[in-house]
Amino acid sequence: MTMASTAPNPIRVLIVDDHAMVRSGLRMLIEHRQGLCVAGEAASSAEALALAAREKPDIILLDLDLAGDNGLDLLPKFHSADKAPRVIILTGVRDLEAHYHAMRLGAEGLVLKDKAAEIVIKAIEKVYAGQLWFDRELLRRAIVETLHGGGAQKRLTPEAAKIATLTEREREVISLVGEGLKNKQIADRLYISETTVRHHLTSIFDKLGTSDRLELVLYAIRHGLATSPH
């Protein structure tokens, strides 16, 4: 059942988790926050897809482990909808590779379940506003793994050469991507078009050898081109 909010246009959140106690706790947390409301609860993949299609939530809080189902399989299906929701992974699974996979499949946020309740609320509000939300600990671990990956020391000089090819505008775009801004927000901040932002990103990906925004953020933080958004 959808709960009403006193806000005129509340952020509507769909909770997808196979544990009733977790869903209950999240419902209480969300309903006590001004401007948020619960659009529904689902305990399985089938329920989640049906509710998402019917309720068209703004945000989906998605657990990765759904009683035998893999939450990752739902991400492409959620994003194929006409009004695609923004998905935040809320998980107790500390599998860095699974987290990477979720982000590359389009998740716009990830929060570990052992974090404070207020972090969940902040993630919902920030992702709804168009920003990315990556758990700080996860980001640090990802950077450490990148830094200590095989042959990292041998790549230092070539990486410096790559970075030297960046234009000042491209460095500005990288910094804003590091803050979690999307293309429209970057365009507004720099007074350029979204098309120009996309052209800059294509050039940046090519120059730095990164394939997506997540890799670019990790690369930028590692090399001092951006700072962690949290």
Protein backbone atom coordinates (compact mmCIF):
# COMPACT_ATOMS: atom_id res chain seq x y z
CA MET A 1 0.00 0.00 0.00
CA THR A 2 1.32 3.42 -0.93
CA MET A 3 1.69 5.82 1.98
CA ALA A 4 0.88 9.48 1.47
CA SER A 5 3.22 12.32 2.34
CA THR A 6 2.41 15.88 3.32
CA ALA A 7 4.83 17.08 0.60
CA PRO A 8 3.10 18.03 -2.69
CA ASN A 9 5.35 15.78 -4.81
CA PRO A 10 7.08 13.31 -2.51
CA ILE A 11 9.91 11.06 -3.68
CA ARG A 12 8.24 7.67 -4.15
CA VAL A 13 10.40 4.74 -3.05
CA LEU A 14 9.94 1.05 -3.83
CA ILE A 15 11.59 -1.30 -1.32
CA VAL A 16 12.83 -4.63 -2.73
CA ASP A 17 14.17 -6.99 -0.07
CA ASP A 18 13.26 -10.57 0.85
CA HIS A 19 13.47 -9.93 4.61
CA ALA A 20 10.22 -8.63 6.10
CA MET A 21 12.01 -7.06 9.07
CA VAL A 22 14.31 -5.08 6.77
CA ARG A 23 11.37 -3.88 4.69
CA SER A 24 9.49 -2.85 7.83
CA GLY A 25 12.47 -0.90 9.15
CA LEU A 26 12.99 0.87 5.84
CA ARG A 27 9.29 1.74 5.61
CA MET A 28 9.35 3.33 9.05
CA LEU A 29 12.55 5.22 8.20
CA ILE A 30 11.19 6.56 4.90
CA GLU A 31 7.74 7.48 6.18
CA HIS A 32 9.22 9.57 8.98
CA ARG A 33 11.13 11.71 6.48
CA GLN A 34 9.37 14.76 5.09
CA GLY A 35 9.18 14.59 1.31
CA LEU A 36 9.48 10.79 1.02
CA CYS A 37 6.85 8.07 0.78
CA VAL A 38 6.81 4.31 0.20
CA ALA A 39 5.40 3.31 -3.18
CA GLY A 40 5.39 -0.38 -2.29
CA GLU A 41 7.32 -3.38 -0.97
CA ALA A 42 8.48 -6.47 -2.83
CA ALA A 43 10.11 -9.66 -1.57
CA SER A 44 10.89 -11.26 -4.94
CA SER A 45 11.95 -10.38 -8.47
CA ALA A 46 8.46 -11.02 -9.86
CA GLU A 47 6.82 -8.79 -7.24
CA ALA A 48 9.42 -6.08 -7.80
CA LEU A 49 8.87 -5.97 -11.56
CA ALA A 50 5.08 -5.93 -11.20
CA LEU A 51 5.13 -3.15 -8.60
CA ALA A 52 7.65 -1.08 -10.52
CA ALA A 53 5.48 -1.27 -13.65
CA ARG A 54 2.32 -0.37 -11.75
CA GLU A 55 3.55 2.23 -9.26
CA LYS A 56 6.34 3.83 -11.35
CA PRO A 57 8.48 4.76 -8.33
CA ASP A 58 11.14 7.45 -8.47
CA ILE A 59 13.67 5.38 -6.51
CA ILE A 60 14.09 1.65 -5.99
CA LEU A 61 16.02 0.35 -2.98
CA LEU A 62 17.23 -3.03 -4.22
CA ASP A 63 18.85 -5.86 -2.30
CA LEU A 64 21.26 -8.00 -4.32
CA ASP A 65 20.22 -11.30 -2.72
CA LEU A 66 16.51 -12.02 -3.17
CA ALA A 67 15.76 -15.49 -1.83
CA GLY A 68 17.60 -17.31 -4.58
CA ASP A 69 17.23 -14.56 -7.19
CA ASN A 70 20.04 -12.20 -8.14
CA GLY A 71 19.04 -8.56 -7.81
CA LEU A 72 21.53 -7.70 -10.55
CA ASP A 73 19.26 -9.40 -13.07
CA LEU A 74 16.56 -6.81 -12.35
CA LEU A 75 18.61 -3.74 -13.20
CA PRO A 76 18.33 -3.94 -17.02
CA LYS A 77 14.60 -4.68 -16.68
CA PHE A 78 14.00 -1.67 -14.46
CA HIS A 79 15.89 0.58 -16.86
CA SER A 80 13.91 -0.62 -19.88
CA ALA A 81 10.73 1.00 -18.52
CA ASP A 82 9.31 4.15 -20.11
CA LYS A 83 9.79 6.03 -16.86
CA ALA A 84 12.93 4.33 -15.62
CA PRO A 85 13.42 4.58 -11.84
CA ARG A 86 16.76 5.36 -10.26
CA VAL A 87 18.12 2.33 -8.44
CA ILE A 88 20.09 2.32 -5.20
CA ILE A 89 21.63 -0.98 -4.15
CA LEU A 90 21.10 -1.57 -0.42
CA THR A 91 23.04 -4.68 0.49
CA GLY A 92 24.93 -6.57 3.15
CA VAL A 93 26.96 -8.35 0.48
CA ARG A 94 30.58 -7.15 0.58
CA ASP A 95 31.53 -8.41 -2.86
CA LEU A 96 33.42 -5.67 -4.68
CA GLU A 97 32.99 -7.35 -8.05
CA ALA A 98 29.22 -7.55 -7.56
CA HIS A 99 29.18 -3.87 -6.59
CA TYR A 100 31.12 -2.95 -9.74
CA HIS A 101 28.74 -5.02 -11.83
CA ALA A 102 25.71 -3.29 -10.29
CA MET A 103 27.15 0.13 -11.06
CA ARG A 104 27.96 -0.80 -14.63
CA LEU A 105 24.41 -2.11 -15.07
CA GLY A 106 23.08 1.32 -14.17
CA ALA A 107 22.75 1.48 -10.38
CA GLU A 108 23.14 5.11 -9.34
CA GLY A 109 23.88 4.46 -5.70
CA LEU A 110 25.09 1.78 -3.33
CA VAL A 111 24.80 1.68 0.46
CA LEU A 112 25.92 -1.13 2.75
CA LYS A 113 23.28 -2.25 5.25
CA ASP A 114 25.53 -1.70 8.25
CA LYS A 115 25.61 2.05 7.62
CA ALA A 116 23.57 4.53 9.68
CA ALA A 117 19.92 4.97 8.71
CA GLU A 118 20.52 8.62 7.83
CA ILE A 119 22.91 7.51 5.08
CA VAL A 120 20.05 5.69 3.33
CA ILE A 121 17.92 8.84 3.41
CA LYS A 122 20.76 11.00 2.10
CA ALA A 123 21.41 8.52 -0.70
CA ILE A 124 17.74 8.58 -1.75
CA GLU A 125 17.62 12.37 -1.83
CA LYS A 126 20.97 12.79 -3.62
CA VAL A 127 20.25 10.15 -6.26
CA TYR A 128 16.78 11.59 -6.85
CA ALA A 129 18.47 14.99 -7.39
CA GLY A 130 20.59 13.44 -10.13
CA GLN A 131 23.80 12.70 -8.27
CA LEU A 132 25.63 9.41 -7.82
CA TRP A 133 26.04 7.93 -4.34
CA PHE A 134 28.83 5.45 -3.74
CA ASP A 135 29.59 4.23 -0.25
CA ARG A 136 32.83 5.88 0.90
CA GLU A 137 34.32 2.65 2.22
CA LEU A 138 33.55 0.85 -1.02
CA LEU A 139 35.15 3.65 -3.03
CA ARG A 140 38.30 3.56 -0.88
CA ARG A 141 38.56 -0.20 -1.24
CA ALA A 142 38.12 0.08 -5.01
CA ILE A 143 40.85 2.71 -5.23
CA VAL A 144 43.21 0.59 -3.10
CA GLU A 145 42.63 -2.43 -5.31
CA THR A 146 43.26 -0.31 -8.38
CA LEU A 147 46.44 1.14 -6.90
CA HIS A 148 47.82 -2.24 -5.91
CA GLY A 149 46.75 -4.12 -9.01
CA GLY A 150 49.29 -6.05 -11.01
CA GLY A 151 51.92 -3.89 -12.66
CA ALA A 152 50.61 -0.62 -11.20
CA GLN A 153 54.07 0.85 -10.78
CA LYS A 154 54.90 0.23 -14.42
CA ARG A 155 51.91 2.31 -15.48
CA LEU A 156 52.85 5.51 -13.64
CA THR A 157 54.84 7.18 -16.41
CA PRO A 158 52.40 6.28 -19.22
CA GLU A 159 49.49 7.51 -17.07
CA ALA A 160 51.21 10.84 -16.53
CA ALA A 161 51.58 11.12 -20.30
CA LYS A 162 47.87 10.40 -20.77
CA ILE A 163 46.85 13.02 -18.21
CA ALA A 164 49.08 15.60 -19.90
CA THR A 165 46.94 15.32 -23.06
CA LEU A 166 43.80 16.52 -21.23
CA THR A 167 42.56 20.02 -21.97
CA GLU A 168 41.61 22.40 -19.17
CA ARG A 169 37.93 21.97 -20.04
CA GLU A 170 38.27 18.18 -19.93
CA ARG A 171 39.83 18.46 -16.47
CA GLU A 172 36.84 20.55 -15.37
CA VAL A 173 34.43 17.91 -16.68
CA ILE A 174 36.34 15.15 -14.87
CA SER A 175 36.21 17.10 -11.61
CA LEU A 176 32.42 17.53 -11.90
CA VAL A 177 31.94 13.85 -12.75
CA GLY A 178 33.88 13.14 -9.56
CA GLU A 179 31.35 15.24 -7.64
CA GLY A 180 28.61 12.92 -8.90
CA LEU A 181 27.06 15.34 -11.40
CA LYS A 182 25.23 14.06 -14.47
CA ASN A 183 25.63 15.46 -18.00
CA LYS A 184 22.81 18.02 -17.68
CA GLN A 185 24.20 19.33 -14.40
CA ILE A 186 27.71 19.55 -15.85
CA ALA A 187 26.38 21.40 -18.88
CA ASP A 188 24.57 23.89 -16.65
CA ARG A 189 27.62 24.40 -14.43
CA LEU A 190 29.97 25.02 -17.37
CA TYR A 191 27.43 26.89 -19.57
CA ILE A 192 27.79 24.42 -22.41
CA SER A 193 25.39 21.99 -24.10
CA GLU A 194 24.84 18.37 -23.07
CA THR A 195 26.08 17.35 -26.52
CA THR A 196 29.36 19.14 -25.84
CA VAL A 197 29.62 17.39 -22.46
CA ARG A 198 29.16 14.02 -24.19
CA HIS A 199 31.87 14.93 -26.72
CA HIS A 200 34.23 15.85 -23.88
CA LEU A 201 33.51 12.57 -22.09
CA THR A 202 34.12 10.56 -25.26
CA SER A 203 37.48 12.30 -25.66
CA ILE A 204 38.32 11.79 -21.97
CA PHE A 205 37.46 8.07 -22.07
CA ASP A 206 39.63 7.68 -25.17
CA LYS A 207 42.61 9.60 -23.74
CA LEU A 208 42.58 7.90 -20.33
CA GLY A 209 41.57 4.42 -21.47
CA THR A 210 38.47 4.31 -19.26
CA SER A 211 35.24 2.71 -20.45
CA ASP A 212 32.57 4.23 -18.20
CA ARG A 213 31.88 6.88 -15.54
CA LEU A 214 32.74 4.57 -12.64
CA GLU A 215 36.18 3.78 -14.04
CA LEU A 216 36.69 7.48 -14.75
CA VAL A 217 35.82 8.44 -11.15
CA LEU A 218 38.20 5.84 -9.73
CA TYR A 219 40.93 6.88 -12.15
CA ALA A 220 40.40 10.59 -11.42
CA ILE A 221 40.57 10.12 -7.64
CA ARG A 222 43.63 7.91 -7.94
CA HIS A 223 45.48 10.52 -9.99
CA GLY A 224 44.31 13.64 -8.17
CA LEU A 225 41.94 14.85 -10.91
CA ALA A 226 38.92 14.66 -8.58
CA THR A 227 38.08 14.08 -4.94
CA SER A 228 35.65 11.60 -3.38
CA PRO A 229 32.08 13.03 -3.42
CA HIS A 230 31.57 11.93 0.23
